[in-house]
Amino acid sequence: MAVSVLERALEKFGPPVYAFHEIVHNQYIVNDFTQRGVVFVSNVANVPAGAKLVFSAHGVAPAVRMEARQRGIQIIIDATCPLVEKVHREVRRYAAEGYWIILVGHKDHDEIVGTIGEAADRIRVVGSSAEAGRVEVPNPDKVAVLTQTTLSVDDTREILHVLRRRFPKMASPAKEDICYATQNRQDAVKELAEKAQLILVIGSRNSENSNQLCRVARARGAQAYLVNSIKEVDPRWFEGVTSVGITAGASVPEALVQEAVAYFTARGARTTEIGVAEENIHFALPPEVAMEPGDPHH
């Protein structure tokens, strides 16, 4: 959805279009957009008045939205993933009800930075079971826990176990916040690791869900390498290896996956698909770039 928003903004308004943070954490997509006139910024102060600005899939703090409006940016389009927006809403609700919020995630990740901005004084970030064992809040009886959407399901389960032991009255949303695309890929990699000695994860270094796929594969006993594309593989990795698995992060273009498959089939490998889940969830585009009846792409 976020990539479609940026595509449509380029089509509709022409370059330059500004994007606050990488639209998704994938180097191939970011490089492609940069060549076509998208300017990625990490500070709204770098966006000129009268410009068009898209907020990335990872969400932004309210202060960033306010600064963008105050700068006189002509059009602001929000491409925040609806699953991330759900976490922001939960933070606002729990904070309004007087809870201290423990946010499970990595404190420097764009998604966590944006979420903290909803109620910075009431949030504690926890990134491991050890940190969960140490975290302190002013009122242990009034604690709510929320999670970053791209985490490892297994790691999160361990952290939540520690937190529940320490805060028995801990509140949490009815449904886990981990993204279905993240969950599906982790489930598939567990299946893949039973059949493949080595797993290639196609994704970028700063993609949390891609890194998690490597961790899940290694935890299941497979070797795992994270590469932006098949061009980064070292043929020596495959010495003595008879079965290779290929998977990709949630925002990786399918073309990069097929390119990796072609690399192996060209060398005589037989391929088979496993762990395939049907993903048919579609999110509506923001009104600023939504299709209009007279639109040639409608």
Protein backbone atom coordinates (compact mmCIF):
# COMPACT_ATOMS: atom_id res chain seq x y z
CA MET A 1 0.00 0.00 0.00
CA ALA A 2 2.76 2.47 0.93
CA VAL A 3 4.65 1.79 -2.31
CA SER A 4 1.40 2.28 -4.30
CA VAL A 5 0.82 5.60 -2.52
CA LEU A 6 4.26 6.88 -3.54
CA GLU A 7 3.81 5.58 -7.11
CA ARG A 8 0.48 7.39 -7.39
CA ALA A 9 1.88 10.60 -5.87
CA LEU A 10 4.66 10.62 -8.50
CA GLU A 11 2.12 10.01 -11.29
CA LYS A 12 -0.33 12.62 -10.06
CA PHE A 13 2.00 15.44 -8.99
CA GLY A 14 5.26 14.69 -10.81
CA PRO A 15 8.70 14.95 -9.17
CA PRO A 16 9.95 16.00 -6.78
CA VAL A 17 7.87 14.19 -4.17
CA TYR A 18 9.34 14.10 -0.67
CA ALA A 19 9.10 11.05 1.60
CA PHE A 20 9.68 11.16 5.35
CA HIS A 21 11.97 8.17 5.97
CA GLU A 22 12.35 5.27 3.54
CA ILE A 23 8.86 4.41 2.27
CA VAL A 24 9.62 0.76 3.13
CA HIS A 25 12.89 -0.73 4.34
CA ASN A 26 14.03 -2.10 1.00
CA GLN A 27 17.08 -0.74 -0.81
CA TYR A 28 15.93 -1.78 -4.29
CA ILE A 29 12.63 0.10 -3.94
CA VAL A 30 14.24 3.16 -2.35
CA ASN A 31 16.92 3.39 -5.07
CA ASP A 32 14.29 3.05 -7.80
CA PHE A 33 12.18 5.86 -6.35
CA THR A 34 15.24 8.08 -5.83
CA GLN A 35 16.14 7.76 -9.52
CA ARG A 36 12.58 8.81 -10.42
CA GLY A 37 12.58 12.00 -8.35
CA VAL A 38 11.57 11.01 -4.83
CA VAL A 39 13.60 12.80 -2.14
CA PHE A 40 13.87 10.80 1.09
CA VAL A 41 14.38 12.92 4.21
CA SER A 42 14.78 12.13 7.90
CA ASN A 43 13.75 15.61 9.02
CA VAL A 44 10.67 17.59 7.99
CA ALA A 45 12.84 20.74 8.14
CA ASN A 46 14.44 19.51 4.88
CA VAL A 47 11.09 19.70 3.03
CA PRO A 48 10.41 23.07 1.36
CA ALA A 49 7.10 24.90 1.81
CA GLY A 50 4.69 24.11 -1.00
CA ALA A 51 6.11 20.61 -1.52
CA LYS A 52 4.33 17.26 -1.58
CA LEU A 53 5.22 14.97 1.33
CA VAL A 54 4.45 11.29 1.94
CA PHE A 55 4.81 9.73 5.40
CA SER A 56 6.34 6.23 5.23
CA ALA A 57 4.68 2.91 6.13
CA HIS A 58 6.32 2.97 9.58
CA GLY A 59 4.23 5.82 10.99
CA VAL A 60 5.24 9.16 12.49
CA ALA A 61 4.88 10.95 15.80
CA PRO A 62 2.15 13.61 16.16
CA ALA A 63 4.89 16.26 16.53
CA VAL A 64 6.15 15.42 13.02
CA ARG A 65 2.65 15.87 11.56
CA MET A 66 2.31 19.21 13.33
CA GLU A 67 5.70 20.43 12.11
CA ALA A 68 4.80 19.43 8.52
CA ARG A 69 1.57 21.47 8.70
CA GLN A 70 3.35 24.46 10.26
CA ARG A 71 5.97 24.46 7.48
CA GLY A 72 3.29 25.08 4.89
CA ILE A 73 3.84 21.84 3.02
CA GLN A 74 1.21 21.90 0.28
CA ILE A 75 0.07 18.26 0.32
CA ILE A 76 0.68 15.72 3.09
CA ILE A 77 -0.15 12.09 2.28
CA ASP A 78 -0.08 9.49 5.04
CA ALA A 79 1.06 6.02 3.91
CA THR A 80 1.27 4.61 7.46
CA CYS A 81 0.50 0.89 7.48
CA PRO A 82 -2.98 0.42 9.04
CA LEU A 83 -1.50 -2.24 11.33
CA VAL A 84 0.99 0.34 12.67
CA GLU A 85 -1.78 2.94 12.99
CA LYS A 86 -3.68 0.40 15.12
CA VAL A 87 -0.75 0.37 17.60
CA HIS A 88 -0.74 4.20 17.66
CA ARG A 89 -4.47 4.18 18.49
CA GLU A 90 -3.90 1.67 21.28
CA VAL A 91 -1.12 3.84 22.75
CA ARG A 92 -3.45 6.86 22.77
CA ARG A 93 -6.25 4.85 24.38
CA TYR A 94 -4.11 3.27 27.12
CA ALA A 95 -2.35 6.58 27.87
CA ALA A 96 -5.73 8.36 28.18
CA GLU A 97 -6.82 5.67 30.65
CA GLY A 98 -3.73 6.27 32.80
CA TYR A 99 -1.75 3.14 31.91
CA TRP A 100 2.03 2.87 31.79
CA ILE A 101 2.85 1.34 28.43
CA ILE A 102 5.57 -1.21 27.79
CA LEU A 103 6.36 -1.22 24.09
CA VAL A 104 8.13 -4.36 22.90
CA GLY A 105 10.50 -3.49 20.05
CA HIS A 106 13.79 -1.89 19.03
CA LYS A 107 14.02 1.70 20.27
CA ASP A 108 15.82 3.07 17.18
CA HIS A 109 13.44 1.56 14.61
CA ASP A 110 11.36 4.12 12.67
CA GLU A 111 8.13 2.42 13.76
CA ILE A 112 9.01 2.56 17.47
CA VAL A 113 10.22 6.18 17.25
CA GLY A 114 6.88 7.18 15.71
CA THR A 115 4.86 5.20 18.26
CA ILE A 116 6.76 6.64 21.25
CA GLY A 117 5.80 10.12 20.03
CA GLU A 118 2.15 9.41 20.91
CA ALA A 119 2.89 9.36 24.67
CA ALA A 120 6.63 9.54 25.32
CA ASP A 121 6.31 10.18 29.07
CA ARG A 122 4.25 7.00 29.62
CA ILE A 123 6.19 4.53 27.43
CA ARG A 124 9.04 2.18 28.28
CA VAL A 125 10.67 0.29 25.38
CA VAL A 126 11.77 -3.30 25.95
CA GLY A 127 13.82 -5.18 23.32
CA SER A 128 14.72 -8.47 25.03
CA SER A 129 13.74 -10.85 27.81
CA ALA A 130 16.58 -9.41 29.92
CA GLU A 131 15.23 -5.87 29.51
CA ALA A 132 11.74 -7.16 30.31
CA GLY A 133 13.13 -8.47 33.58
CA ARG A 134 14.53 -5.04 34.51
CA VAL A 135 11.94 -2.54 33.28
CA GLU A 136 10.34 -0.36 35.96
CA VAL A 137 7.10 1.64 35.90
CA PRO A 138 5.60 3.96 38.54
CA ASN A 139 2.48 1.80 38.98
CA PRO A 140 3.00 -1.95 38.33
CA ASP A 141 -0.76 -2.56 38.68
CA LYS A 142 -1.58 -0.27 35.76
CA VAL A 143 0.52 -1.62 32.88
CA ALA A 144 -0.38 -2.26 29.23
CA VAL A 145 1.88 -3.97 26.68
CA LEU A 146 2.04 -3.36 22.92
CA THR A 147 4.44 -4.68 20.28
CA GLN A 148 6.25 -3.51 17.16
CA THR A 149 4.53 -5.12 14.16
CA THR A 150 7.65 -6.67 12.57
CA LEU A 151 9.09 -8.67 15.45
CA SER A 152 9.84 -12.38 15.75
CA VAL A 153 6.76 -14.15 17.04
CA ASP A 154 8.90 -16.51 19.16
CA ASP A 155 11.07 -13.78 20.71
CA THR A 156 7.99 -11.72 21.50
CA ARG A 157 6.34 -14.67 23.20
CA GLU A 158 9.32 -15.04 25.55
CA ILE A 159 9.36 -11.31 26.37
CA LEU A 160 5.61 -11.29 27.06
CA HIS A 161 6.03 -14.33 29.34
CA VAL A 162 8.57 -12.41 31.46
CA LEU A 163 6.37 -9.31 31.55
CA ARG A 164 3.25 -11.27 32.57
CA ARG A 165 5.17 -12.86 35.41
CA ARG A 166 6.30 -9.42 36.64
CA PHE A 167 3.02 -7.58 35.97
CA PRO A 168 0.16 -10.07 36.52
CA LYS A 169 -2.51 -7.41 35.90
CA MET A 170 -0.94 -6.38 32.58
CA ALA A 171 -3.45 -5.35 29.91
CA SER A 172 -2.98 -6.06 26.20
CA PRO A 173 -5.07 -5.72 23.03
CA ALA A 174 -7.46 -8.53 22.11
CA LYS A 175 -5.30 -9.37 19.09
CA GLU A 176 -1.50 -9.55 18.82
CA ASP A 177 -0.02 -6.60 16.92
CA ILE A 178 2.52 -8.60 14.91
CA CYS A 179 1.76 -8.12 11.20
CA TYR A 180 0.17 -11.05 9.36
CA ALA A 181 2.80 -10.76 6.58
CA THR A 182 5.57 -11.04 9.19
CA GLN A 183 3.83 -14.00 10.86
CA ASN A 184 3.24 -15.85 7.57
CA ARG A 185 6.87 -15.50 6.50
CA GLN A 186 8.20 -16.69 9.85
CA ASP A 187 5.91 -19.74 9.75
CA ALA A 188 7.10 -20.51 6.19
CA VAL A 189 10.78 -20.19 7.18
CA LYS A 190 10.31 -22.67 10.03
CA GLU A 191 8.96 -25.14 7.46
CA LEU A 192 11.75 -24.25 5.03
CA ALA A 193 14.47 -24.79 7.65
CA GLU A 194 13.36 -28.42 8.07
CA LYS A 195 14.08 -29.08 4.38
CA ALA A 196 16.92 -26.68 3.45
CA GLN A 197 20.46 -26.62 4.81
CA LEU A 198 20.94 -22.99 3.81
CA ILE A 199 18.35 -20.23 3.51
CA LEU A 200 18.76 -17.03 1.51
CA VAL A 201 16.65 -14.19 2.85
CA ILE A 202 16.21 -11.47 0.25
CA GLY A 203 15.86 -8.16 2.04
CA SER A 204 17.74 -5.10 3.25
CA ARG A 205 19.96 -4.77 6.31
CA ASN A 206 17.63 -2.22 7.91
CA SER A 207 14.50 -4.34 7.37
CA GLU A 208 13.48 -5.66 10.77
CA ASN A 209 11.25 -8.42 9.42
CA SER A 210 14.00 -9.60 7.01
CA ASN A 211 16.53 -9.82 9.85
CA GLN A 212 13.99 -11.75 11.91
CA LEU A 213 13.65 -14.32 9.11
CA CYS A 214 17.40 -14.97 9.35
CA ARG A 215 17.14 -15.38 13.12
CA VAL A 216 14.19 -17.77 12.82
CA ALA A 217 16.06 -19.88 10.22
CA ARG A 218 19.22 -20.07 12.36
CA ALA A 219 17.20 -20.94 15.46
CA ARG A 220 15.88 -23.94 13.48
CA GLY A 221 19.39 -25.11 12.59
CA ALA A 222 19.78 -23.77 9.05
CA GLN A 223 22.52 -21.47 7.79
CA ALA A 224 21.00 -18.14 6.75
CA TYR A 225 22.27 -15.14 4.77
CA LEU A 226 20.56 -11.79 4.23
CA VAL A 227 21.14 -10.34 0.74
CA ASN A 228 19.63 -7.42 -1.16
CA SER A 229 19.49 -9.59 -4.27
CA ILE A 230 21.00 -12.75 -5.75
CA LYS A 231 23.88 -10.58 -7.03
CA GLU A 232 25.27 -10.48 -3.47
CA VAL A 233 25.61 -14.23 -2.98
CA ASP A 234 29.00 -15.83 -2.58
CA PRO A 235 29.08 -19.17 -4.49
CA ARG A 236 31.34 -20.56 -1.74
CA TRP A 237 28.33 -20.53 0.61
CA PHE A 238 26.91 -23.45 -1.37
CA GLU A 239 29.92 -25.78 -1.10
CA GLY A 240 28.64 -29.07 0.33
CA VAL A 241 25.06 -27.77 0.33
CA THR A 242 22.45 -29.79 -1.54
CA SER A 243 19.28 -27.91 -0.57
CA VAL A 244 18.76 -24.14 -0.51
CA GLY A 245 15.68 -22.24 0.65
CA ILE A 246 14.67 -18.83 -0.69
CA THR A 247 12.45 -16.38 1.15
CA ALA A 248 12.05 -12.61 1.28
CA GLY A 249 11.08 -9.77 3.58
CA ALA A 250 7.55 -8.40 3.46
CA SER A 251 8.39 -5.39 1.26
CA VAL A 252 10.67 -7.12 -1.26
CA PRO A 253 9.54 -6.98 -4.91
CA GLU A 254 8.56 -10.39 -6.31
CA ALA A 255 10.97 -9.83 -9.24
CA LEU A 256 13.95 -10.18 -6.87
CA VAL A 257 12.61 -13.50 -5.57
CA GLN A 258 12.09 -14.85 -9.10
CA GLU A 259 15.59 -13.66 -10.08
CA ALA A 260 16.97 -15.78 -7.21
CA VAL A 261 14.93 -18.80 -8.29
CA ALA A 262 16.19 -18.38 -11.89
CA TYR A 263 19.80 -18.29 -10.61
CA PHE A 264 19.42 -21.81 -9.22
CA THR A 265 17.29 -23.31 -12.01
CA ALA A 266 19.91 -22.11 -14.52
CA ARG A 267 22.38 -24.25 -12.57
CA GLY A 268 20.20 -27.35 -12.80
CA ALA A 269 18.34 -27.08 -9.49
CA ARG A 270 14.80 -28.37 -9.10
CA THR A 271 12.47 -25.96 -7.31
CA THR A 272 9.35 -26.43 -5.25
CA GLU A 273 7.17 -24.02 -3.26
CA ILE A 274 6.35 -24.63 0.39
CA GLY A 275 4.73 -22.63 3.18
CA VAL A 276 2.68 -20.54 0.76
CA ALA A 277 -0.08 -18.59 2.51
CA GLU A 278 -2.77 -16.72 0.63
CA GLU A 279 -2.51 -13.00 1.45
CA ASN A 280 -5.58 -11.24 0.15
CA ILE A 281 -5.80 -8.29 2.53
CA HIS A 282 -5.91 -4.96 0.71
CA PHE A 283 -5.77 -1.52 2.32
CA ALA A 284 -7.48 1.49 0.75
CA LEU A 285 -5.24 4.26 -0.58
CA PRO A 286 -5.42 7.69 1.10
CA PRO A 287 -7.92 10.07 -0.56
CA GLU A 288 -5.14 12.33 -1.90
CA VAL A 289 -4.04 9.59 -4.33
CA ALA A 290 -7.13 7.37 -4.56
CA MET A 291 -8.46 6.42 -7.98
CA GLU A 292 -11.04 8.80 -9.43
CA PRO A 293 -13.79 7.76 -11.88
CA GLY A 294 -12.14 9.57 -14.83
CA ASP A 295 -8.68 8.26 -13.99
CA PRO A 296 -7.10 6.29 -16.90
CA HIS A 297 -5.90 3.70 -14.36
CA HIS A 298 -9.33 3.28 -12.80
